[in-house]
Amino acid sequence: MPEISRFYGIIIKLFFGDHPPPHFHAVYGEYVALFNIDTLDMIEGDLPPRARKLVVEWASTYQQDLKRMWMKQQFQKLPPLQ
């Protein structure tokens, strides 16, 4: 699964052949969660509250890029959370 970004120990991944709805994976240590790209809701898994907040903050900045990647199935690295 291609790594899209990495920040504060959180790894963001996207897999093009994955099931709907459009989503990305966030990995933080032993925690793994799936986030809906359209709503930024956590739809599966578990993350500590602080990590979840950071993921949503990052994803809100790059939401259109994530949608475009999912639709076009073209991988690109995105900057980390600043």
Protein backbone atom coordinates (compact mmCIF):
# COMPACT_ATOMS: atom_id res chain seq x y z
CA MET A 1 0.00 0.00 0.00
CA PRO A 2 1.65 3.27 -1.09
CA GLU A 3 2.60 5.77 1.61
CA ILE A 4 1.07 9.17 0.91
CA SER A 5 2.47 11.11 3.87
CA ARG A 6 4.14 10.75 7.26
CA PHE A 7 4.00 13.11 10.26
CA TYR A 8 4.30 12.85 14.06
CA GLY A 9 4.67 9.07 13.81
CA ILE A 10 1.48 8.74 11.74
CA ILE A 11 1.67 7.08 8.33
CA ILE A 12 -1.03 7.81 5.74
CA LYS A 13 -1.57 5.16 3.07
CA LEU A 14 -3.88 4.75 0.10
CA PHE A 15 -4.68 1.59 -1.84
CA PHE A 16 -6.34 2.03 -5.22
CA GLY A 17 -7.91 -1.43 -5.51
CA ASP A 18 -9.61 -1.06 -2.14
CA HIS A 19 -13.35 -1.21 -1.42
CA PRO A 20 -15.71 1.80 -1.42
CA PRO A 21 -16.31 4.31 0.02
CA PRO A 22 -13.19 6.28 -0.96
CA HIS A 23 -10.93 6.15 2.07
CA PHE A 24 -7.36 6.25 3.32
CA HIS A 25 -5.55 4.36 6.05
CA ALA A 26 -3.82 5.98 9.04
CA VAL A 27 -1.27 3.91 10.96
CA TYR A 28 0.08 5.05 14.32
CA GLY A 29 2.14 2.41 16.12
CA GLU A 30 -0.16 -0.53 16.74
CA TYR A 31 -3.25 1.53 15.85
CA VAL A 32 -4.83 1.45 12.40
CA ALA A 33 -7.88 3.38 11.20
CA LEU A 34 -9.73 4.03 7.94
CA PHE A 35 -11.04 7.53 7.17
CA ASN A 36 -13.73 8.37 4.63
CA ILE A 37 -12.24 10.89 2.18
CA ASP A 38 -15.56 12.69 1.61
CA THR A 39 -16.58 13.15 5.26
CA LEU A 40 -13.22 12.67 7.04
CA ASP A 41 -15.06 10.43 9.53
CA MET A 42 -13.18 7.47 10.97
CA ILE A 43 -15.12 4.54 9.51
CA GLU A 44 -13.11 1.65 10.92
CA GLY A 45 -10.36 0.95 13.43
CA ASP A 46 -9.02 2.93 16.34
CA LEU A 47 -6.63 5.82 16.97
CA PRO A 48 -5.84 7.75 20.14
CA PRO A 49 -7.82 11.03 20.23
CA ARG A 50 -4.77 13.26 19.62
CA ALA A 51 -3.62 11.20 16.60
CA ARG A 52 -7.16 11.18 15.22
CA LYS A 53 -7.33 14.98 15.49
CA LEU A 54 -3.99 15.34 13.66
CA VAL A 55 -5.12 13.00 10.87
CA VAL A 56 -8.36 14.95 10.35
CA GLU A 57 -6.46 18.26 10.41
CA TRP A 58 -4.02 16.96 7.77
CA ALA A 59 -6.78 15.40 5.64
CA SER A 60 -8.88 18.58 5.65
CA THR A 61 -5.93 20.37 4.03
CA TYR A 62 -5.42 17.69 1.35
CA GLN A 63 -8.98 16.40 0.94
CA GLN A 64 -9.26 17.45 -2.73
CA ASP A 65 -5.87 15.86 -3.50
CA LEU A 66 -7.00 12.62 -1.83
CA LYS A 67 -10.25 12.62 -3.82
CA ARG A 68 -8.35 13.21 -7.05
CA MET A 69 -5.90 10.39 -6.28
CA TRP A 70 -8.74 7.98 -5.50
CA MET A 71 -10.66 8.88 -8.67
CA LYS A 72 -7.68 8.92 -11.06
CA GLN A 73 -5.77 6.16 -9.28
CA GLN A 74 -2.58 8.16 -9.59
CA PHE A 75 -0.29 8.07 -6.60
CA GLN A 76 1.42 11.23 -5.35
CA LYS A 77 3.20 12.09 -2.11
CA LEU A 78 1.58 14.82 -0.04
CA PRO A 79 3.36 17.11 2.43
CA PRO A 80 3.23 16.30 6.13
CA LEU A 81 1.20 18.27 8.63
CA GLN A 82 2.97 21.56 9.30
